[in-house]
PDB file of all heavy atoms in Angstrom:
ATOM      1  N   LYS A   1       0.820  -1.216   0.000  1.00  0.00           N
ATOM      2  CA  LYS A   1       0.000   0.000   0.000  1.00  0.00           C
ATOM      3  C   LYS A   1       0.856   1.269   0.000  1.00  0.00           C
ATOM      4  O   LYS A   1       0.476   2.279  -0.584  1.00  0.00           O
ATOM      5  CB  LYS A   1      -0.933  -0.010   1.206  1.00  0.00           C
ATOM      6  CG  LYS A   1      -2.070   1.003   1.101  1.00  0.00           C
ATOM      7  CD  LYS A   1      -3.187   0.673   2.064  1.00  0.00           C
ATOM      8  CE  LYS A   1      -4.361   1.627   1.854  1.00  0.00           C
ATOM      9  NZ  LYS A   1      -5.493   1.321   2.741  1.00  0.00           N
ATOM     10  N   ILE A   2       2.029   1.224   0.658  1.00  0.00           N
ATOM     11  CA  ILE A   2       2.846   2.446   0.770  1.00  0.00           C
ATOM     12  C   ILE A   2       4.103   2.408  -0.102  1.00  0.00           C
ATOM     13  O   ILE A   2       4.856   3.386  -0.149  1.00  0.00           O
ATOM     14  CB  ILE A   2       3.239   2.717   2.235  1.00  0.00           C
ATOM     15  CG1 ILE A   2       4.121   1.601   2.785  1.00  0.00           C
ATOM     16  CG2 ILE A   2       2.007   2.915   3.085  1.00  0.00           C
ATOM     17  CD1 ILE A   2       4.575   1.846   4.206  1.00  0.00           C
ATOM     18  N   GLY A   3       4.342   1.290  -0.811  1.00  0.00           N
ATOM     19  CA  GLY A   3       5.457   1.251  -1.762  1.00  0.00           C
ATOM     20  C   GLY A   3       6.794   0.820  -1.196  1.00  0.00           C
ATOM     21  O   GLY A   3       7.847   1.188  -1.717  1.00  0.00           O
ATOM     22  N   ILE A   4       6.782   0.007  -0.139  1.00  0.00           N
ATOM     23  CA  ILE A   4       8.028  -0.531   0.423  1.00  0.00           C
ATOM     24  C   ILE A   4       8.626  -1.547  -0.548  1.00  0.00           C
ATOM     25  O   ILE A   4       7.906  -2.360  -1.136  1.00  0.00           O
ATOM     26  CB  ILE A   4       7.756  -1.208   1.792  1.00  0.00           C
ATOM     27  CG1 ILE A   4       7.378  -0.163   2.844  1.00  0.00           C
ATOM     28  CG2 ILE A   4       8.937  -2.029   2.248  1.00  0.00           C
ATOM     29  CD1 ILE A   4       8.522   0.615   3.417  1.00  0.00           C
ATOM     30  N   ASP A   5       9.958  -1.532  -0.702  1.00  0.00           N
ATOM     31  CA  ASP A   5      10.617  -2.411  -1.672  1.00  0.00           C
ATOM     32  C   ASP A   5      10.668  -3.873  -1.227  1.00  0.00           C
ATOM     33  O   ASP A   5      10.459  -4.782  -2.031  1.00  0.00           O
ATOM     34  CB  ASP A   5      12.052  -1.918  -1.925  1.00  0.00           C
ATOM     35  CG  ASP A   5      12.070  -0.537  -2.566  1.00  0.00           C
ATOM     36  OD1 ASP A   5      11.258  -0.305  -3.468  1.00  0.00           O
ATOM     37  OD2 ASP A   5      12.892   0.301  -2.163  1.00  0.00           O
ATOM     38  N   ARG A   6      11.001  -4.098   0.050  1.00  0.00           N
ATOM     39  CA  ARG A   6      11.151  -5.467   0.548  1.00  0.00           C
ATOM     40  C   ARG A   6      10.515  -5.609   1.922  1.00  0.00           C
ATOM     41  O   ARG A   6      10.398  -4.616   2.649  1.00  0.00           O
ATOM     42  CB  ARG A   6      12.634  -5.845   0.665  1.00  0.00           C
ATOM     43  CG  ARG A   6      13.262  -6.321  -0.632  1.00  0.00           C
ATOM     44  CD  ARG A   6      14.622  -6.965  -0.351  1.00  0.00           C
ATOM     45  NE  ARG A   6      15.646  -5.997  -0.045  1.00  0.00           N
ATOM     46  CZ  ARG A   6      16.671  -6.227   0.765  1.00  0.00           C
ATOM     47  NH1 ARG A   6      16.749  -7.390   1.400  1.00  0.00           N
ATOM     48  NH2 ARG A   6      17.585  -5.309   0.979  1.00  0.00           N
ATOM     49  N   VAL A   7      10.150  -6.846   2.289  1.00  0.00           N
ATOM     50  CA  VAL A   7       9.498  -7.089   3.580  1.00  0.00           C
ATOM     51  C   VAL A   7      10.115  -8.317   4.252  1.00  0.00           C
ATOM     52  O   VAL A   7      10.311  -9.356   3.614  1.00  0.00           O
ATOM     53  CB  VAL A   7       7.982  -7.339   3.409  1.00  0.00           C
ATOM     54  CG1 VAL A   7       7.341  -7.620   4.756  1.00  0.00           C
ATOM     55  CG2 VAL A   7       7.313  -6.156   2.749  1.00  0.00           C
ATOM     56  N   TYR A   8      10.448  -8.166   5.538  1.00  0.00           N
ATOM     57  CA  TYR A   8      10.792  -9.301   6.402  1.00  0.00           C
ATOM     58  C   TYR A   8       9.766  -9.299   7.533  1.00  0.00           C
ATOM     59  O   TYR A   8       9.679  -8.322   8.279  1.00  0.00           O
ATOM     60  CB  TYR A   8      12.195  -9.156   6.986  1.00  0.00           C
ATOM     61  CG  TYR A   8      13.310  -9.177   5.962  1.00  0.00           C
ATOM     62  CD1 TYR A   8      13.881  -7.997   5.504  1.00  0.00           C
ATOM     63  CD2 TYR A   8      13.803 -10.388   5.479  1.00  0.00           C
ATOM     64  CE1 TYR A   8      14.911  -8.020   4.576  1.00  0.00           C
ATOM     65  CE2 TYR A   8      14.835 -10.415   4.552  1.00  0.00           C
ATOM     66  CZ  TYR A   8      15.385  -9.226   4.106  1.00  0.00           C
ATOM     67  OH  TYR A   8      16.401  -9.248   3.190  1.00  0.00           O
ATOM     68  N   ALA A   9       9.015 -10.382   7.659  1.00  0.00           N
ATOM     69  CA  ALA A   9       7.924 -10.411   8.642  1.00  0.00           C
ATOM     70  C   ALA A   9       8.090 -11.567   9.631  1.00  0.00           C
ATOM     71  O   ALA A   9       8.928 -12.454   9.451  1.00  0.00           O
ATOM     72  CB  ALA A   9       6.588 -10.524   7.921  1.00  0.00           C
ATOM     73  N   GLU A  10       7.264 -11.508  10.690  1.00  0.00           N
ATOM     74  CA  GLU A  10       7.218 -12.536  11.736  1.00  0.00           C
ATOM     75  C   GLU A  10       8.602 -12.773  12.348  1.00  0.00           C
ATOM     76  O   GLU A  10       9.060 -13.904  12.508  1.00  0.00           O
ATOM     77  CB  GLU A  10       6.628 -13.836  11.171  1.00  0.00           C
ATOM     78  CG  GLU A  10       5.194 -13.655  10.669  1.00  0.00           C
ATOM     79  CD  GLU A  10       4.571 -14.953  10.181  1.00  0.00           C
ATOM     80  OE1 GLU A  10       5.057 -16.025  10.570  1.00  0.00           O
ATOM     81  OE2 GLU A  10       3.589 -14.870   9.415  1.00  0.00           O
ATOM     82  N   LEU A  11       9.269 -11.680  12.706  1.00  0.00           N
ATOM     83  CA  LEU A  11      10.625 -11.751  13.244  1.00  0.00           C
ATOM     84  C   LEU A  11      10.656 -11.423  14.733  1.00  0.00           C
ATOM     85  O   LEU A  11       9.892 -10.584  15.203  1.00  0.00           O
ATOM     86  CB  LEU A  11      11.547 -10.764  12.519  1.00  0.00           C
ATOM     87  CG  LEU A  11      11.685 -10.923  11.002  1.00  0.00           C
ATOM     88  CD1 LEU A  11      12.548  -9.805  10.449  1.00  0.00           C
ATOM     89  CD2 LEU A  11      12.282 -12.276  10.656  1.00  0.00           C
ATOM     90  N   LEU A  12      11.556 -12.057  15.449  1.00  0.00           N
ATOM     91  CA  LEU A  12      11.860 -11.683  16.822  1.00  0.00           C
ATOM     92  C   LEU A  12      12.914 -10.580  16.795  1.00  0.00           C
ATOM     93  O   LEU A  12      13.576 -10.373  15.770  1.00  0.00           O
ATOM     94  CB  LEU A  12      12.383 -12.896  17.598  1.00  0.00           C
ATOM     95  CG  LEU A  12      11.396 -14.056  17.773  1.00  0.00           C
ATOM     96  CD1 LEU A  12      12.103 -15.240  18.413  1.00  0.00           C
ATOM     97  CD2 LEU A  12      10.200 -13.624  18.602  1.00  0.00           C
ATOM     98  N   PRO A  13      13.110  -9.857  17.903  1.00  0.00           N
ATOM     99  CA  PRO A  13      14.122  -8.798  17.923  1.00  0.00           C
ATOM    100  C   PRO A  13      15.503  -9.280  17.482  1.00  0.00           C
ATOM    101  O   PRO A  13      16.212  -8.581  16.755  1.00  0.00           O
ATOM    102  CB  PRO A  13      14.128  -8.354  19.385  1.00  0.00           C
ATOM    103  CG  PRO A  13      12.747  -8.639  19.864  1.00  0.00           C
ATOM    104  CD  PRO A  13      12.334  -9.887  19.157  1.00  0.00           C
ATOM    105  N   GLU A  14      15.894 -10.500  17.907  1.00  0.00           N
ATOM    106  CA  GLU A  14      17.210 -11.009  17.514  1.00  0.00           C
ATOM    107  C   GLU A  14      17.278 -11.338  16.024  1.00  0.00           C
ATOM    108  O   GLU A  14      18.353 -11.249  15.408  1.00  0.00           O
ATOM    109  CB  GLU A  14      17.600 -12.241  18.341  1.00  0.00           C
ATOM    110  CG  GLU A  14      16.610 -13.384  18.317  1.00  0.00           C
ATOM    111  CD  GLU A  14      15.651 -13.358  19.488  1.00  0.00           C
ATOM    112  OE1 GLU A  14      15.277 -12.252  19.928  1.00  0.00           O
ATOM    113  OE2 GLU A  14      15.266 -14.447  19.954  1.00  0.00           O
ATOM    114  N   ASP A  15      16.125 -11.696  15.413  1.00  0.00           N
ATOM    115  CA  ASP A  15      16.087 -11.947  13.969  1.00  0.00           C
ATOM    116  C   ASP A  15      16.324 -10.651  13.194  1.00  0.00           C
ATOM    117  O   ASP A  15      17.047 -10.636  12.194  1.00  0.00           O
ATOM    118  CB  ASP A  15      14.736 -12.539  13.560  1.00  0.00           C
ATOM    119  CG  ASP A  15      14.460 -13.884  14.225  1.00  0.00           C
ATOM    120  OD1 ASP A  15      15.435 -14.623  14.458  1.00  0.00           O
ATOM    121  OD2 ASP A  15      13.287 -14.174  14.519  1.00  0.00           O
ATOM    122  N   LYS A  16      15.703  -9.576  13.665  1.00  0.00           N
ATOM    123  CA  LYS A  16      15.905  -8.269  13.038  1.00  0.00           C
ATOM    124  C   LYS A  16      17.378  -7.885  13.091  1.00  0.00           C
ATOM    125  O   LYS A  16      17.959  -7.416  12.105  1.00  0.00           O
ATOM    126  CB  LYS A  16      15.080  -7.193  13.756  1.00  0.00           C
ATOM    127  CG  LYS A  16      13.578  -7.347  13.653  1.00  0.00           C
ATOM    128  CD  LYS A  16      12.887  -6.208  14.402  1.00  0.00           C
ATOM    129  CE  LYS A  16      11.375  -6.325  14.367  1.00  0.00           C
ATOM    130  NZ  LYS A  16      10.711  -5.204  15.080  1.00  0.00           N
ATOM    131  N   LEU A  17      17.969  -8.082  14.262  1.00  0.00           N
ATOM    132  CA  LEU A  17      19.367  -7.722  14.470  1.00  0.00           C
ATOM    133  C   LEU A  17      20.285  -8.512  13.544  1.00  0.00           C
ATOM    134  O   LEU A  17      21.232  -7.966  12.964  1.00  0.00           O
ATOM    135  CB  LEU A  17      19.741  -7.974  15.933  1.00  0.00           C
ATOM    136  CG  LEU A  17      21.115  -7.504  16.388  1.00  0.00           C
ATOM    137  CD1 LEU A  17      21.268  -6.007  16.193  1.00  0.00           C
ATOM    138  CD2 LEU A  17      21.339  -7.874  17.850  1.00  0.00           C
ATOM    139  N   ASN A  18      19.996  -9.800  13.374  1.00  0.00           N
ATOM    140  CA  ASN A  18      20.818 -10.643  12.500  1.00  0.00           C
ATOM    141  C   ASN A  18      20.765 -10.179  11.050  1.00  0.00           C
ATOM    142  O   ASN A  18      21.789 -10.175  10.347  1.00  0.00           O
ATOM    143  CB  ASN A  18      20.363 -12.109  12.582  1.00  0.00           C
ATOM    144  CG  ASN A  18      20.698 -12.742  13.917  1.00  0.00           C
ATOM    145  OD1 ASN A  18      21.631 -12.305  14.593  1.00  0.00           O
ATOM    146  ND2 ASN A  18      19.946 -13.753  14.319  1.00  0.00           N
ATOM    147  N   ILE A  19      19.581  -9.771  10.592  1.00  0.00           N
ATOM    148  CA  ILE A  19      19.437  -9.271   9.216  1.00  0.00           C
ATOM    149  C   ILE A  19      20.261  -8.007   9.013  1.00  0.00           C
ATOM    150  O   ILE A  19      20.977  -7.852   8.018  1.00  0.00           O
ATOM    151  CB  ILE A  19      17.945  -9.019   8.891  1.00  0.00           C
ATOM    152  CG1 ILE A  19      17.193 -10.344   8.787  1.00  0.00           C
ATOM    153  CG2 ILE A  19      17.795  -8.219   7.600  1.00  0.00           C
ATOM    154  CD1 ILE A  19      15.689 -10.207   8.702  1.00  0.00           C
ATOM    155  N   LEU A  20      20.182  -7.088   9.977  1.00  0.00           N
ATOM    156  CA  LEU A  20      20.942  -5.839   9.868  1.00  0.00           C
ATOM    157  C   LEU A  20      22.444  -6.102   9.913  1.00  0.00           C
ATOM    158  O   LEU A  20      23.214  -5.499   9.154  1.00  0.00           O
ATOM    159  CB  LEU A  20      20.552  -4.886  10.995  1.00  0.00           C
ATOM    160  CG  LEU A  20      19.114  -4.372  11.027  1.00  0.00           C
ATOM    161  CD1 LEU A  20      18.970  -3.284  12.090  1.00  0.00           C
ATOM    162  CD2 LEU A  20      18.671  -3.832   9.693  1.00  0.00           C
ATOM    163  N   ASN A  21      22.875  -7.009  10.784  1.00  0.00           N
ATOM    164  CA  ASN A  21      24.307  -7.297  10.908  1.00  0.00           C
ATOM    165  C   ASN A  21      24.876  -7.923   9.633  1.00  0.00           C
ATOM    166  O   ASN A  21      26.038  -7.680   9.280  1.00  0.00           O
ATOM    167  CB  ASN A  21      24.568  -8.216  12.101  1.00  0.00           C
ATOM    168  CG  ASN A  21      24.455  -7.475  13.421  1.00  0.00           C
ATOM    169  OD1 ASN A  21      24.617  -6.260  13.467  1.00  0.00           O
ATOM    170  ND2 ASN A  21      24.181  -8.187  14.497  1.00  0.00           N
ATOM    171  N   LYS A  22      24.060  -8.709   8.938  1.00  0.00           N
ATOM    172  CA  LYS A  22      24.499  -9.281   7.655  1.00  0.00           C
ATOM    173  C   LYS A  22      24.718  -8.176   6.625  1.00  0.00           C
ATOM    174  O   LYS A  22      25.665  -8.223   5.841  1.00  0.00           O
ATOM    175  CB  LYS A  22      23.456 -10.287   7.147  1.00  0.00           C
ATOM    176  CG  LYS A  22      23.478 -11.614   7.898  1.00  0.00           C
ATOM    177  CD  LYS A  22      22.387 -12.548   7.392  1.00  0.00           C
ATOM    178  CE  LYS A  22      22.362 -13.846   8.210  1.00  0.00           C
ATOM    179  NZ  LYS A  22      21.245 -14.737   7.783  1.00  0.00           N
ATOM    180  N   GLU A  23      23.829  -7.185   6.613  1.00  0.00           N
ATOM    181  CA  GLU A  23      23.966  -6.055   5.688  1.00  0.00           C
ATOM    182  C   GLU A  23      25.229  -5.252   6.010  1.00  0.00           C
ATOM    183  O   GLU A  23      25.984  -4.873   5.126  1.00  0.00           O
ATOM    184  CB  GLU A  23      22.733  -5.147   5.788  1.00  0.00           C
ATOM    185  CG  GLU A  23      21.442  -5.758   5.294  1.00  0.00           C
ATOM    186  CD  GLU A  23      21.281  -5.652   3.789  1.00  0.00           C
ATOM    187  OE1 GLU A  23      22.293  -5.468   3.090  1.00  0.00           O
ATOM    188  OE2 GLU A  23      20.129  -5.741   3.326  1.00  0.00           O
ATOM    189  N   ILE A  24      25.436  -5.003   7.302  1.00  0.00           N
ATOM    190  CA  ILE A  24      26.600  -4.221   7.732  1.00  0.00           C
ATOM    191  C   ILE A  24      27.892  -4.958   7.399  1.00  0.00           C
ATOM    192  O   ILE A  24      28.898  -4.343   7.015  1.00  0.00           O
ATOM    193  CB  ILE A  24      26.507  -3.911   9.244  1.00  0.00           C
ATOM    194  CG1 ILE A  24      25.321  -2.965   9.504  1.00  0.00           C
ATOM    195  CG2 ILE A  24      27.792  -3.279   9.763  1.00  0.00           C
ATOM    196  CD1 ILE A  24      24.947  -2.825  10.953  1.00  0.00           C
ATOM    197  N   ALA A  25      27.879  -6.293   7.515  1.00  0.00           N
ATOM    198  CA  ALA A  25      29.057  -7.095   7.178  1.00  0.00           C
ATOM    199  C   ALA A  25      29.418  -6.984   5.702  1.00  0.00           C
ATOM    200  O   ALA A  25      30.576  -7.179   5.319  1.00  0.00           O
ATOM    201  CB  ALA A  25      28.810  -8.557   7.547  1.00  0.00           C
ATOM    202  N   LEU A  26      28.427  -6.649   4.880  1.00  0.00           N
ATOM    203  CA  LEU A  26      28.663  -6.456   3.436  1.00  0.00           C
ATOM    204  C   LEU A  26      29.020  -5.005   3.116  1.00  0.00           C
ATOM    205  O   LEU A  26      28.997  -4.591   1.957  1.00  0.00           O
ATOM    206  CB  LEU A  26      27.405  -6.863   2.656  1.00  0.00           C
ATOM    207  CG  LEU A  26      27.007  -8.346   2.750  1.00  0.00           C
ATOM    208  CD1 LEU A  26      25.656  -8.578   2.101  1.00  0.00           C
ATOM    209  CD2 LEU A  26      28.074  -9.231   2.096  1.00  0.00           C
ATOM    210  N   ASN A  27      29.326  -4.229   4.170  1.00  0.00           N
ATOM    211  CA  ASN A  27      29.710  -2.808   4.051  1.00  0.00           C
ATOM    212  C   ASN A  27      28.584  -1.923   3.536  1.00  0.00           C
ATOM    213  O   ASN A  27      28.843  -0.882   2.925  1.00  0.00           O
ATOM    214  CB  ASN A  27      30.948  -2.650   3.154  1.00  0.00           C
ATOM    215  CG  ASN A  27      32.189  -3.259   3.789  1.00  0.00           C
ATOM    216  OD1 ASN A  27      32.405  -3.123   4.982  1.00  0.00           O
ATOM    217  ND2 ASN A  27      32.995  -3.948   2.978  1.00  0.00           N
TER     218      ASN A  27
END
């Protein structure tokens, strides 16, 4: 509805953190 490019759903706080850390590891 609002035009978001990608979605990660049904995550726990630690799951969110892991996704972000993977991105940061790729600079």
